[in-house]
Amino acid sequence: MVAEKDHRLFEIFAAIEIANIVLSFFTNIFLILIVIKAAKELGNYRFLLLAFAINDIWFPLVHLLTLPIICSYRDAFIMFSNGILTSKFSICLFAATFSQTMPIFAHLFIYRLVALKWPTFAHFYSFWNTFVVVLSTVLFQLALWFANCWFNYDSDDVLQRYVKPFLDEEFPGGVTGLGHIGTLYYNERGLRTSAVLTTMGFNGIMLVWFTVILVCTVLTVRCFRNSDGKLASKTRCLQKQLFKTLIIQMAVPVICVYLPCAGIINCPMLFRISVFPNLVSALVTFFPVVDAVLTLVCVKVFRDKIRSVCRRIRHLNFDRSSSVQVTGNA
């Protein structure tokens, strides 16, 4: 599909994509099991962590089914599917799915603030309340993002003519029949205002979530500073671990997902860039793996549970080997 000169590099990035997707399934399933085992220590926060882990399984699954190719060419960008699902619907679904991590992060930061500043209200986050609140927020984000992609990033004849030389060079096998979305920021008449407004709409949605997260972060830090001596040392230690882990987790998708995607979508408005076709696609598969590993490693409760599981496995193996040895001696 890709040009011969780029074939080897394309295959390397494709292999990284698949490896990260497989790893994300295993690490997040393991995280779900550990969260369930640590239910007593985590309280209602476990429901938000479960939602987070499920999202980190759902996103790679959609990625696997679509295998998106995200390209920039001079004043335009274009995105299409190269997987099992190749319709315009599937690529819009991928674009919407990758955005839904932000509202889940916002809920995690809100909970950390509530648990520290107004602990009595943390009881609101029961299983069903968390399910309804998170699901409704995610579906609203998904619908908003999907609609903006479907209607406003619709690939018109002007865009298709503009990117044709690039697609013919990079994908000599052709991309005919593959559903795609994208936009062209400039044509012979100058700046295309509708394209800019659409992209600004996406930026505005993300800015809302970033603002919520930033406000909660500042207020939570202030609460920690003002709560010296008011919390039990064990509770304070766990709260700090969960909050610091959340900060690090937040940095991962920002670096691996949102900055690369924002760059490839926004930069053509300012200057012409060319990015290797599946570089960004490979980058976005890192965060579901890294986030799960960070959660398991940075929080002592989870480390203790992992050690407990490892000890049980060793005991089982020892008992089994001892049983075999006794049987052999008999």
C-alpha atoms as a PDB file:
ATOM      1  CA  MET A   1       0.000   0.000   0.000  1.00  0.00           C
ATOM      2  CA  VAL A   2       2.723   2.468   0.984  1.00  0.00           C
ATOM      3  CA  ALA A   3       5.524   3.677  -1.327  1.00  0.00           C
ATOM      4  CA  GLU A   4       8.535   1.340  -1.564  1.00  0.00           C
ATOM      5  CA  LYS A   5      10.948   3.953  -0.162  1.00  0.00           C
ATOM      6  CA  ASP A   6       8.869   4.210   3.021  1.00  0.00           C
ATOM      7  CA  HIS A   7       7.793   0.579   3.252  1.00  0.00           C
ATOM      8  CA  ARG A   8      10.313  -0.546   5.905  1.00  0.00           C
ATOM      9  CA  LEU A   9       9.665   2.399   8.239  1.00  0.00           C
ATOM     10  CA  PHE A  10       5.910   2.030   7.753  1.00  0.00           C
ATOM     11  CA  GLU A  11       6.132  -1.640   8.746  1.00  0.00           C
ATOM     12  CA  ILE A  12       8.177  -0.781  11.869  1.00  0.00           C
ATOM     13  CA  PHE A  13       5.573   1.726  13.053  1.00  0.00           C
ATOM     14  CA  ALA A  14       2.794  -0.758  12.216  1.00  0.00           C
ATOM     15  CA  ALA A  15       4.518  -3.427  14.337  1.00  0.00           C
ATOM     16  CA  ILE A  16       4.824  -0.948  17.227  1.00  0.00           C
ATOM     17  CA  GLU A  17       1.090  -0.206  16.917  1.00  0.00           C
ATOM     18  CA  ILE A  18       0.086  -3.868  17.125  1.00  0.00           C
ATOM     19  CA  ALA A  19       2.512  -4.636  19.970  1.00  0.00           C
ATOM     20  CA  ASN A  20       1.233  -1.698  22.035  1.00  0.00           C
ATOM     21  CA  ILE A  21      -2.385  -2.663  21.399  1.00  0.00           C
ATOM     22  CA  VAL A  22      -1.798  -6.252  22.566  1.00  0.00           C
ATOM     23  CA  LEU A  23       0.122  -5.049  25.632  1.00  0.00           C
ATOM     24  CA  SER A  24      -2.626  -2.571  26.488  1.00  0.00           C
ATOM     25  CA  PHE A  25      -5.190  -5.389  26.577  1.00  0.00           C
ATOM     26  CA  PHE A  26      -3.097  -7.464  29.002  1.00  0.00           C
ATOM     27  CA  THR A  27      -1.966  -4.602  31.267  1.00  0.00           C
ATOM     28  CA  ASN A  28      -5.419  -3.073  31.623  1.00  0.00           C
ATOM     29  CA  ILE A  29      -7.147  -6.411  32.238  1.00  0.00           C
ATOM     30  CA  PHE A  30      -4.541  -7.041  34.941  1.00  0.00           C
ATOM     31  CA  LEU A  31      -5.180  -3.543  36.332  1.00  0.00           C
ATOM     32  CA  ILE A  32      -8.918  -4.276  36.517  1.00  0.00           C
ATOM     33  CA  LEU A  33      -8.229  -7.453  38.517  1.00  0.00           C
ATOM     34  CA  ILE A  34      -5.890  -5.616  40.906  1.00  0.00           C
ATOM     35  CA  VAL A  35      -8.373  -2.753  41.391  1.00  0.00           C
ATOM     36  CA  ILE A  36     -11.085  -5.277  42.281  1.00  0.00           C
ATOM     37  CA  LYS A  37      -8.736  -6.917  44.813  1.00  0.00           C
ATOM     38  CA  ALA A  38      -7.900  -3.505  46.331  1.00  0.00           C
ATOM     39  CA  ALA A  39     -11.558  -2.458  46.631  1.00  0.00           C
ATOM     40  CA  LYS A  40     -11.423  -1.977  50.408  1.00  0.00           C
ATOM     41  CA  GLU A  41      -8.431   0.394  50.343  1.00  0.00           C
ATOM     42  CA  LEU A  42      -9.640   2.444  47.350  1.00  0.00           C
ATOM     43  CA  GLY A  43     -13.268   2.939  48.312  1.00  0.00           C
ATOM     44  CA  ASN A  44     -15.491   4.429  45.613  1.00  0.00           C
ATOM     45  CA  TYR A  45     -12.456   5.669  43.682  1.00  0.00           C
ATOM     46  CA  ARG A  46     -12.162   2.132  42.329  1.00  0.00           C
ATOM     47  CA  PHE A  47     -15.212   2.676  40.112  1.00  0.00           C
ATOM     48  CA  LEU A  48     -13.513   5.582  38.334  1.00  0.00           C
ATOM     49  CA  LEU A  49     -10.304   3.569  37.988  1.00  0.00           C
ATOM     50  CA  LEU A  50     -12.315   0.721  36.471  1.00  0.00           C
ATOM     51  CA  ALA A  51     -13.890   3.152  33.990  1.00  0.00           C
ATOM     52  CA  PHE A  52     -10.410   4.420  33.152  1.00  0.00           C
ATOM     53  CA  ALA A  53      -9.062   0.891  32.568  1.00  0.00           C
ATOM     54  CA  ILE A  54     -12.085  -0.129  30.463  1.00  0.00           C
ATOM     55  CA  ASN A  55     -11.596   2.981  28.319  1.00  0.00           C
ATOM     56  CA  ASP A  56      -7.939   1.988  27.860  1.00  0.00           C
ATOM     57  CA  ILE A  57      -9.152  -1.346  26.472  1.00  0.00           C
ATOM     58  CA  TRP A  58     -11.921   0.138  24.314  1.00  0.00           C
ATOM     59  CA  PHE A  59      -9.662   2.731  22.650  1.00  0.00           C
ATOM     60  CA  PRO A  60      -6.998   0.201  21.465  1.00  0.00           C
ATOM     61  CA  LEU A  61      -9.791  -2.105  20.271  1.00  0.00           C
ATOM     62  CA  VAL A  62     -11.217   0.651  18.042  1.00  0.00           C
ATOM     63  CA  HIS A  63      -7.666   1.473  16.944  1.00  0.00           C
ATOM     64  CA  LEU A  64      -7.060  -2.177  16.019  1.00  0.00           C
ATOM     65  CA  LEU A  65     -10.260  -2.357  13.976  1.00  0.00           C
ATOM     66  CA  THR A  66      -9.578   0.895  12.106  1.00  0.00           C
ATOM     67  CA  LEU A  67      -5.744   1.156  12.002  1.00  0.00           C
ATOM     68  CA  PRO A  68      -5.895   4.889  11.243  1.00  0.00           C
ATOM     69  CA  ILE A  69      -3.472   6.656   8.930  1.00  0.00           C
ATOM     70  CA  ILE A  70      -3.061  10.325   9.887  1.00  0.00           C
ATOM     71  CA  CYS A  71      -1.274  12.447   7.287  1.00  0.00           C
ATOM     72  CA  SER A  72      -0.388  16.091   6.874  1.00  0.00           C
ATOM     73  CA  TYR A  73       0.420  17.590   3.492  1.00  0.00           C
ATOM     74  CA  ARG A  74       1.301  21.275   3.172  1.00  0.00           C
ATOM     75  CA  ASP A  75      -1.914  23.216   4.047  1.00  0.00           C
ATOM     76  CA  ALA A  76      -4.065  20.146   4.708  1.00  0.00           C
ATOM     77  CA  PHE A  77      -4.396  17.042   6.796  1.00  0.00           C
ATOM     78  CA  ILE A  78      -6.275  13.838   6.023  1.00  0.00           C
ATOM     79  CA  MET A  79      -7.121  10.761   8.080  1.00  0.00           C
ATOM     80  CA  PHE A  80      -8.429   7.406   6.864  1.00  0.00           C
ATOM     81  CA  SER A  81      -8.762   3.784   8.004  1.00  0.00           C
ATOM     82  CA  ASN A  82      -6.482   0.962   6.941  1.00  0.00           C
ATOM     83  CA  GLY A  83      -7.889  -1.846   9.090  1.00  0.00           C
ATOM     84  CA  ILE A  84     -10.896  -4.151   9.081  1.00  0.00           C
ATOM     85  CA  LEU A  85     -13.269  -1.171   9.219  1.00  0.00           C
ATOM     86  CA  THR A  86     -12.542   1.339   6.446  1.00  0.00           C
ATOM     87  CA  SER A  87     -15.665   3.501   6.243  1.00  0.00           C
ATOM     88  CA  LYS A  88     -15.990   7.184   7.047  1.00  0.00           C
ATOM     89  CA  PHE A  89     -18.060   6.150  10.073  1.00  0.00           C
ATOM     90  CA  SER A  90     -15.178   4.064  11.455  1.00  0.00           C
ATOM     91  CA  ILE A  91     -12.580   6.827  11.149  1.00  0.00           C
ATOM     92  CA  CYS A  92     -14.965   9.324  12.776  1.00  0.00           C
ATOM     93  CA  LEU A  93     -15.533   6.781  15.559  1.00  0.00           C
ATOM     94  CA  PHE A  94     -11.780   6.470  16.084  1.00  0.00           C
ATOM     95  CA  ALA A  95     -11.381  10.255  16.236  1.00  0.00           C
ATOM     96  CA  ALA A  96     -14.221  10.512  18.753  1.00  0.00           C
ATOM     97  CA  THR A  97     -12.961   7.584  20.846  1.00  0.00           C
ATOM     98  CA  PHE A  98      -9.475   8.986  21.270  1.00  0.00           C
ATOM     99  CA  SER A  99     -10.985  12.204  22.679  1.00  0.00           C
ATOM    100  CA  GLN A 100     -13.067  10.532  25.396  1.00  0.00           C
ATOM    101  CA  THR A 101     -10.087   9.974  27.691  1.00  0.00           C
ATOM    102  CA  MET A 102     -10.213  13.647  28.698  1.00  0.00           C
ATOM    103  CA  PRO A 103     -13.653  13.633  30.403  1.00  0.00           C
ATOM    104  CA  ILE A 104     -12.657  10.482  32.312  1.00  0.00           C
ATOM    105  CA  PHE A 105      -9.484  12.212  33.485  1.00  0.00           C
ATOM    106  CA  ALA A 106     -11.595  15.212  34.516  1.00  0.00           C
ATOM    107  CA  HIS A 107     -13.785  12.943  36.668  1.00  0.00           C
ATOM    108  CA  LEU A 108     -10.681  11.429  38.292  1.00  0.00           C
ATOM    109  CA  PHE A 109      -9.341  14.875  39.195  1.00  0.00           C
ATOM    110  CA  ILE A 110     -12.753  16.010  40.464  1.00  0.00           C
ATOM    111  CA  TYR A 111     -12.974  12.934  42.691  1.00  0.00           C
ATOM    112  CA  ARG A 112      -9.485  13.508  44.123  1.00  0.00           C
ATOM    113  CA  LEU A 113     -10.521  17.056  45.077  1.00  0.00           C
ATOM    114  CA  VAL A 114     -13.859  15.937  46.538  1.00  0.00           C
ATOM    115  CA  ALA A 115     -12.274  13.097  48.539  1.00  0.00           C
ATOM    116  CA  LEU A 116      -9.757  15.500  50.067  1.00  0.00           C
ATOM    117  CA  LYS A 117     -11.802  18.681  50.557  1.00  0.00           C
ATOM    118  CA  TRP A 118     -15.342  17.318  51.008  1.00  0.00           C
ATOM    119  CA  PRO A 119     -14.874  13.625  51.944  1.00  0.00           C
ATOM    120  CA  THR A 120     -18.525  13.149  52.945  1.00  0.00           C
ATOM    121  CA  PHE A 121     -19.575  13.791  49.328  1.00  0.00           C
ATOM    122  CA  ALA A 122     -17.294  11.014  48.062  1.00  0.00           C
ATOM    123  CA  HIS A 123     -20.145   8.602  48.874  1.00  0.00           C
ATOM    124  CA  PHE A 124     -21.958  10.026  45.848  1.00  0.00           C
ATOM    125  CA  TYR A 125     -19.611   7.991  43.645  1.00  0.00           C
ATOM    126  CA  SER A 126     -21.408   4.696  44.139  1.00  0.00           C
ATOM    127  CA  PHE A 127     -21.246   2.130  41.362  1.00  0.00           C
ATOM    128  CA  TRP A 128     -24.456   3.219  39.634  1.00  0.00           C
ATOM    129  CA  ASN A 129     -23.912   6.948  40.118  1.00  0.00           C
ATOM    130  CA  THR A 130     -20.392   6.664  38.719  1.00  0.00           C
ATOM    131  CA  PHE A 131     -21.652   4.532  35.840  1.00  0.00           C
ATOM    132  CA  VAL A 132     -24.357   7.047  34.890  1.00  0.00           C
ATOM    133  CA  VAL A 133     -22.216  10.177  35.316  1.00  0.00           C
ATOM    134  CA  VAL A 134     -19.155   8.854  33.471  1.00  0.00           C
ATOM    135  CA  LEU A 135     -21.134   7.175  30.695  1.00  0.00           C
ATOM    136  CA  SER A 136     -23.308  10.234  30.034  1.00  0.00           C
ATOM    137  CA  THR A 137     -20.259  12.523  29.950  1.00  0.00           C
ATOM    138  CA  VAL A 138     -18.333  10.206  27.647  1.00  0.00           C
ATOM    139  CA  LEU A 139     -21.302   9.721  25.295  1.00  0.00           C
ATOM    140  CA  PHE A 140     -21.858  13.484  25.119  1.00  0.00           C
ATOM    141  CA  GLN A 141     -18.181  14.021  24.279  1.00  0.00           C
ATOM    142  CA  LEU A 142     -18.274  11.173  21.758  1.00  0.00           C
ATOM    143  CA  ALA A 143     -21.384  12.519  20.007  1.00  0.00           C
ATOM    144  CA  LEU A 144     -20.037  16.076  19.881  1.00  0.00           C
ATOM    145  CA  TRP A 145     -16.665  15.009  18.502  1.00  0.00           C
ATOM    146  CA  PHE A 146     -18.155  12.513  16.039  1.00  0.00           C
ATOM    147  CA  ALA A 147     -20.639  15.060  14.655  1.00  0.00           C
ATOM    148  CA  ASN A 148     -17.938  17.697  14.200  1.00  0.00           C
ATOM    149  CA  CYS A 149     -15.775  15.183  12.305  1.00  0.00           C
ATOM    150  CA  TRP A 150     -18.647  13.826  10.206  1.00  0.00           C
ATOM    151  CA  PHE A 151     -20.157  17.115   9.091  1.00  0.00           C
ATOM    152  CA  ASN A 152     -17.310  19.631   9.255  1.00  0.00           C
ATOM    153  CA  TYR A 153     -14.283  17.510   8.336  1.00  0.00           C
ATOM    154  CA  ASP A 154     -16.139  16.003   5.407  1.00  0.00           C
ATOM    155  CA  SER A 155     -13.663  15.500   2.561  1.00  0.00           C
ATOM    156  CA  ASP A 156     -14.823  17.656  -0.371  1.00  0.00           C
ATOM    157  CA  ASP A 157     -13.603  17.756  -3.981  1.00  0.00           C
ATOM    158  CA  VAL A 158     -11.244  20.664  -3.257  1.00  0.00           C
ATOM    159  CA  LEU A 159      -9.414  18.714  -0.540  1.00  0.00           C
ATOM    160  CA  GLN A 160      -9.287  15.528  -2.611  1.00  0.00           C
ATOM    161  CA  ARG A 161      -7.724  17.316  -5.589  1.00  0.00           C
ATOM    162  CA  TYR A 162      -5.231  19.040  -3.294  1.00  0.00           C
ATOM    163  CA  VAL A 163      -3.969  15.866  -1.565  1.00  0.00           C
ATOM    164  CA  LYS A 164      -4.105  13.614  -4.648  1.00  0.00           C
ATOM    165  CA  PRO A 165      -0.403  14.132  -5.598  1.00  0.00           C
ATOM    166  CA  PHE A 166       0.628  13.294  -2.035  1.00  0.00           C
ATOM    167  CA  LEU A 167      -1.590  10.198  -1.816  1.00  0.00           C
ATOM    168  CA  ASP A 168      -0.460   8.967  -5.253  1.00  0.00           C
ATOM    169  CA  GLU A 169       3.179   9.270  -4.166  1.00  0.00           C
ATOM    170  CA  GLU A 170       2.869   7.845  -0.649  1.00  0.00           C
ATOM    171  CA  PHE A 171       0.198   5.213  -1.374  1.00  0.00           C
ATOM    172  CA  PRO A 172       0.691   4.040  -4.974  1.00  0.00           C
ATOM    173  CA  GLY A 173      -1.697   1.156  -4.356  1.00  0.00           C
ATOM    174  CA  GLY A 174      -4.428   3.753  -3.972  1.00  0.00           C
ATOM    175  CA  VAL A 175      -6.791   4.652  -1.159  1.00  0.00           C
ATOM    176  CA  THR A 176      -9.908   4.565  -3.301  1.00  0.00           C
ATOM    177  CA  GLY A 177     -12.891   3.272  -1.381  1.00  0.00           C
ATOM    178  CA  LEU A 178     -11.399   4.070   2.018  1.00  0.00           C
ATOM    179  CA  GLY A 179     -13.551   6.451   4.032  1.00  0.00           C
ATOM    180  CA  HIS A 180     -11.641   9.520   5.120  1.00  0.00           C
ATOM    181  CA  ILE A 181     -11.951  12.887   6.822  1.00  0.00           C
ATOM    182  CA  GLY A 182      -9.751  15.959   6.696  1.00  0.00           C
ATOM    183  CA  THR A 183      -9.615  19.604   5.830  1.00  0.00           C
ATOM    184  CA  LEU A 184      -7.768  22.155   3.701  1.00  0.00           C
ATOM    185  CA  TYR A 185      -6.998  25.434   5.458  1.00  0.00           C
ATOM    186  CA  TYR A 186      -5.942  27.465   2.412  1.00  0.00           C
ATOM    187  CA  ASN A 187      -6.909  27.496  -1.246  1.00  0.00           C
ATOM    188  CA  GLU A 188      -6.417  29.940  -4.118  1.00  0.00           C
ATOM    189  CA  ARG A 189      -8.823  32.361  -2.405  1.00  0.00           C
ATOM    190  CA  GLY A 190      -6.911  32.328   0.871  1.00  0.00           C
ATOM    191  CA  LEU A 191      -7.884  31.105   4.334  1.00  0.00           C
ATOM    192  CA  ARG A 192     -10.905  28.803   4.529  1.00  0.00           C
ATOM    193  CA  THR A 193     -12.736  30.132   7.581  1.00  0.00           C
ATOM    194  CA  SER A 194     -15.011  27.102   7.982  1.00  0.00           C
ATOM    195  CA  ALA A 195     -12.013  24.768   8.305  1.00  0.00           C
ATOM    196  CA  VAL A 196     -10.386  26.986  10.931  1.00  0.00           C
ATOM    197  CA  LEU A 197     -13.618  27.284  12.948  1.00  0.00           C
ATOM    198  CA  THR A 198     -14.066  23.509  12.934  1.00  0.00           C
ATOM    199  CA  THR A 199     -10.573  22.959  14.302  1.00  0.00           C
ATOM    200  CA  MET A 200     -11.064  25.722  16.861  1.00  0.00           C
ATOM    201  CA  GLY A 201     -14.231  23.894  17.933  1.00  0.00           C
ATOM    202  CA  PHE A 202     -12.185  20.793  18.739  1.00  0.00           C
ATOM    203  CA  ASN A 203      -9.601  22.905  20.544  1.00  0.00           C
ATOM    204  CA  GLY A 204     -12.357  24.596  22.549  1.00  0.00           C
ATOM    205  CA  ILE A 205     -13.808  21.268  23.704  1.00  0.00           C
ATOM    206  CA  MET A 206     -10.404  20.078  24.896  1.00  0.00           C
ATOM    207  CA  LEU A 207      -9.720  23.433  26.553  1.00  0.00           C
ATOM    208  CA  VAL A 208     -12.838  22.990  28.709  1.00  0.00           C
ATOM    209  CA  TRP A 209     -11.548  19.671  30.059  1.00  0.00           C
ATOM    210  CA  PHE A 210      -8.020  20.985  30.554  1.00  0.00           C
ATOM    211  CA  THR A 211      -9.448  23.933  32.497  1.00  0.00           C
ATOM    212  CA  VAL A 212     -11.452  21.620  34.787  1.00  0.00           C
ATOM    213  CA  ILE A 213      -8.346  19.493  35.382  1.00  0.00           C
ATOM    214  CA  LEU A 214      -6.124  22.517  36.034  1.00  0.00           C
ATOM    215  CA  VAL A 215      -8.578  24.073  38.512  1.00  0.00           C
ATOM    216  CA  CYS A 216      -8.973  20.760  40.374  1.00  0.00           C
ATOM    217  CA  THR A 217      -5.191  20.316  40.454  1.00  0.00           C
ATOM    218  CA  VAL A 218      -4.586  23.763  41.971  1.00  0.00           C
ATOM    219  CA  LEU A 219      -7.345  23.312  44.565  1.00  0.00           C
ATOM    220  CA  THR A 220      -6.116  19.820  45.472  1.00  0.00           C
ATOM    221  CA  VAL A 221      -2.549  21.051  45.999  1.00  0.00           C
ATOM    222  CA  ARG A 222      -3.892  23.811  48.268  1.00  0.00           C
ATOM    223  CA  CYS A 223      -5.885  21.241  50.226  1.00  0.00           C
ATOM    224  CA  PHE A 224      -2.761  19.157  50.803  1.00  0.00           C
ATOM    225  CA  ARG A 225      -0.914  22.216  52.087  1.00  0.00           C
ATOM    226  CA  ASN A 226      -3.755  23.134  54.456  1.00  0.00           C
ATOM    227  CA  SER A 227      -4.458  19.621  55.723  1.00  0.00           C
ATOM    228  CA  ASP A 228      -1.244  18.984  57.665  1.00  0.00           C
ATOM    229  CA  GLY A 229      -2.176  17.091  60.820  1.00  0.00           C
ATOM    230  CA  LYS A 230      -5.852  16.830  59.841  1.00  0.00           C
ATOM    231  CA  LEU A 231      -5.506  13.517  58.010  1.00  0.00           C
ATOM    232  CA  ALA A 232      -4.210  10.199  59.292  1.00  0.00           C
ATOM    233  CA  SER A 233      -0.708   9.561  57.964  1.00  0.00           C
ATOM    234  CA  LYS A 234      -1.797   6.424  56.101  1.00  0.00           C
ATOM    235  CA  THR A 235      -4.750   8.225  54.467  1.00  0.00           C
ATOM    236  CA  ARG A 236      -2.617  11.235  53.549  1.00  0.00           C
ATOM    237  CA  CYS A 237       0.074   8.991  52.048  1.00  0.00           C
ATOM    238  CA  LEU A 238      -2.462   7.107  49.899  1.00  0.00           C
ATOM    239  CA  GLN A 239      -4.134  10.353  48.789  1.00  0.00           C
ATOM    240  CA  LYS A 240      -0.771  11.788  47.746  1.00  0.00           C
ATOM    241  CA  GLN A 241       0.220   8.633  45.882  1.00  0.00           C
ATOM    242  CA  LEU A 242      -3.050   8.561  43.949  1.00  0.00           C
ATOM    243  CA  PHE A 243      -2.844  12.271  43.136  1.00  0.00           C
ATOM    244  CA  LYS A 244       0.806  12.158  42.002  1.00  0.00           C
ATOM    245  CA  THR A 245       0.084   9.083  39.911  1.00  0.00           C
ATOM    246  CA  LEU A 246      -2.860  10.885  38.325  1.00  0.00           C
ATOM    247  CA  ILE A 247      -0.633  13.848  37.416  1.00  0.00           C
ATOM    248  CA  ILE A 248       1.908  11.542  35.751  1.00  0.00           C
ATOM    249  CA  GLN A 249      -0.877   9.613  34.011  1.00  0.00           C
ATOM    250  CA  MET A 250      -2.264  12.864  32.674  1.00  0.00           C
ATOM    251  CA  ALA A 251       1.119  13.785  31.203  1.00  0.00           C
ATOM    252  CA  VAL A 252       1.299  10.546  29.176  1.00  0.00           C
ATOM    253  CA  PRO A 253      -1.710  11.088  26.851  1.00  0.00           C
ATOM    254  CA  VAL A 254      -0.867  14.794  26.580  1.00  0.00           C
ATOM    255  CA  ILE A 255       2.609  13.927  25.264  1.00  0.00           C
ATOM    256  CA  CYS A 256       1.745  10.758  23.314  1.00  0.00           C
ATOM    257  CA  VAL A 257      -1.717  11.640  22.002  1.00  0.00           C
ATOM    258  CA  TYR A 258      -3.019  15.165  22.278  1.00  0.00           C
ATOM    259  CA  LEU A 259       0.115  17.149  21.402  1.00  0.00           C
ATOM    260  CA  PRO A 260       0.944  15.036  18.287  1.00  0.00           C
ATOM    261  CA  CYS A 261      -2.682  15.032  17.113  1.00  0.00           C
ATOM    262  CA  ALA A 262      -3.169  18.724  17.874  1.00  0.00           C
ATOM    263  CA  GLY A 263       0.069  19.446  16.046  1.00  0.00           C
ATOM    264  CA  ILE A 264      -0.814  17.534  12.909  1.00  0.00           C
ATOM    265  CA  ILE A 265      -4.284  19.132  12.791  1.00  0.00           C
ATOM    266  CA  ASN A 266      -3.390  22.700  13.812  1.00  0.00           C
ATOM    267  CA  CYS A 267       0.072  23.251  12.323  1.00  0.00           C
ATOM    268  CA  PRO A 268      -1.097  23.397   8.672  1.00  0.00           C
ATOM    269  CA  MET A 269      -3.001  26.561   9.663  1.00  0.00           C
ATOM    270  CA  LEU A 270       0.300  28.245  10.553  1.00  0.00           C
ATOM    271  CA  PHE A 271       2.942  26.626   8.349  1.00  0.00           C
ATOM    272  CA  ARG A 272       3.343  23.721   5.988  1.00  0.00           C
ATOM    273  CA  ILE A 273       4.435  20.411   7.486  1.00  0.00           C
ATOM    274  CA  SER A 274       4.778  16.835   6.354  1.00  0.00           C
ATOM    275  CA  VAL A 275       4.570  13.981   8.861  1.00  0.00           C
ATOM    276  CA  PHE A 276       5.259  10.313   8.137  1.00  0.00           C
ATOM    277  CA  PRO A 277       1.849   8.635   7.544  1.00  0.00           C
ATOM    278  CA  ASN A 278       1.605   6.301  10.552  1.00  0.00           C
ATOM    279  CA  LEU A 279       3.977   8.017  13.007  1.00  0.00           C
ATOM    280  CA  VAL A 280       1.140   9.655  14.980  1.00  0.00           C
ATOM    281  CA  SER A 281      -0.928   6.454  14.773  1.00  0.00           C
ATOM    282  CA  ALA A 282       1.906   4.558  16.473  1.00  0.00           C
ATOM    283  CA  LEU A 283       2.381   7.251  19.127  1.00  0.00           C
ATOM    284  CA  VAL A 284      -1.243   7.214  20.281  1.00  0.00           C
ATOM    285  CA  THR A 285      -1.031   3.495  21.139  1.00  0.00           C
ATOM    286  CA  PHE A 286       1.560   4.091  23.874  1.00  0.00           C
ATOM    287  CA  PHE A 287      -0.637   5.750  26.471  1.00  0.00           C
ATOM    288  CA  PRO A 288      -3.068   2.878  27.297  1.00  0.00           C
ATOM    289  CA  VAL A 289      -0.068   0.682  28.129  1.00  0.00           C
ATOM    290  CA  VAL A 290       1.969   3.289  30.002  1.00  0.00           C
ATOM    291  CA  ASP A 291      -1.000   4.582  32.019  1.00  0.00           C
ATOM    292  CA  ALA A 292      -1.846   1.109  33.300  1.00  0.00           C
ATOM    293  CA  VAL A 293       1.781   0.346  34.200  1.00  0.00           C
ATOM    294  CA  LEU A 294       2.144   3.699  35.994  1.00  0.00           C
ATOM    295  CA  THR A 295      -0.989   3.030  38.037  1.00  0.00           C
ATOM    296  CA  LEU A 296       0.258  -0.408  39.055  1.00  0.00           C
ATOM    297  CA  VAL A 297       3.787   0.743  39.908  1.00  0.00           C
ATOM    298  CA  CYS A 298       3.257   4.147  41.548  1.00  0.00           C
ATOM    299  CA  VAL A 299       0.537   3.237  44.070  1.00  0.00           C
ATOM    300  CA  LYS A 300       1.702   1.179  47.061  1.00  0.00           C
ATOM    301  CA  VAL A 301      -1.672  -0.535  47.479  1.00  0.00           C
ATOM    302  CA  PHE A 302      -1.363  -1.965  43.976  1.00  0.00           C
ATOM    303  CA  ARG A 303       2.280  -2.944  44.468  1.00  0.00           C
ATOM    304  CA  ASP A 304       1.314  -4.837  47.620  1.00  0.00           C
ATOM    305  CA  LYS A 305      -1.493  -6.642  45.791  1.00  0.00           C
ATOM    306  CA  ILE A 306       0.878  -7.599  42.963  1.00  0.00           C
ATOM    307  CA  ARG A 307       3.395  -8.970  45.487  1.00  0.00           C
ATOM    308  CA  SER A 308       0.588 -10.935  47.133  1.00  0.00           C
ATOM    309  CA  VAL A 309      -0.432 -12.445  43.789  1.00  0.00           C
ATOM    310  CA  CYS A 310       3.198 -13.307  42.982  1.00  0.00           C
ATOM    311  CA  ARG A 311       3.636 -14.995  46.379  1.00  0.00           C
ATOM    312  CA  ARG A 312       0.514 -17.094  45.826  1.00  0.00           C
ATOM    313  CA  ILE A 313       1.763 -18.159  42.401  1.00  0.00           C
ATOM    314  CA  ARG A 314       5.145 -19.145  43.876  1.00  0.00           C
ATOM    315  CA  HIS A 315       3.435 -21.116  46.662  1.00  0.00           C
ATOM    316  CA  LEU A 316       1.235 -22.909  44.134  1.00  0.00           C
ATOM    317  CA  ASN A 317       4.260 -23.801  41.998  1.00  0.00           C
ATOM    318  CA  PHE A 318       6.164 -24.965  45.088  1.00  0.00           C
ATOM    319  CA  ASP A 319       3.249 -27.097  46.307  1.00  0.00           C
ATOM    320  CA  ARG A 320       2.841 -28.590  42.836  1.00  0.00           C
ATOM    321  CA  SER A 321       6.540 -29.434  42.519  1.00  0.00           C
ATOM    322  CA  SER A 322       6.564 -30.892  46.055  1.00  0.00           C
ATOM    323  CA  SER A 323       3.542 -33.038  45.215  1.00  0.00           C
ATOM    324  CA  VAL A 324       5.220 -34.326  42.060  1.00  0.00           C
ATOM    325  CA  GLN A 325       8.412 -35.107  44.001  1.00  0.00           C
ATOM    326  CA  VAL A 326       6.528 -37.014  46.727  1.00  0.00           C
ATOM    327  CA  THR A 327       4.613 -38.994  44.118  1.00  0.00           C
ATOM    328  CA  GLY A 328       7.868 -39.833  42.357  1.00  0.00           C
ATOM    329  CA  ASN A 329       9.500 -41.024  45.601  1.00  0.00           C
ATOM    330  CA  ALA A 330       6.491 -43.180  46.375  1.00  0.00           C
END
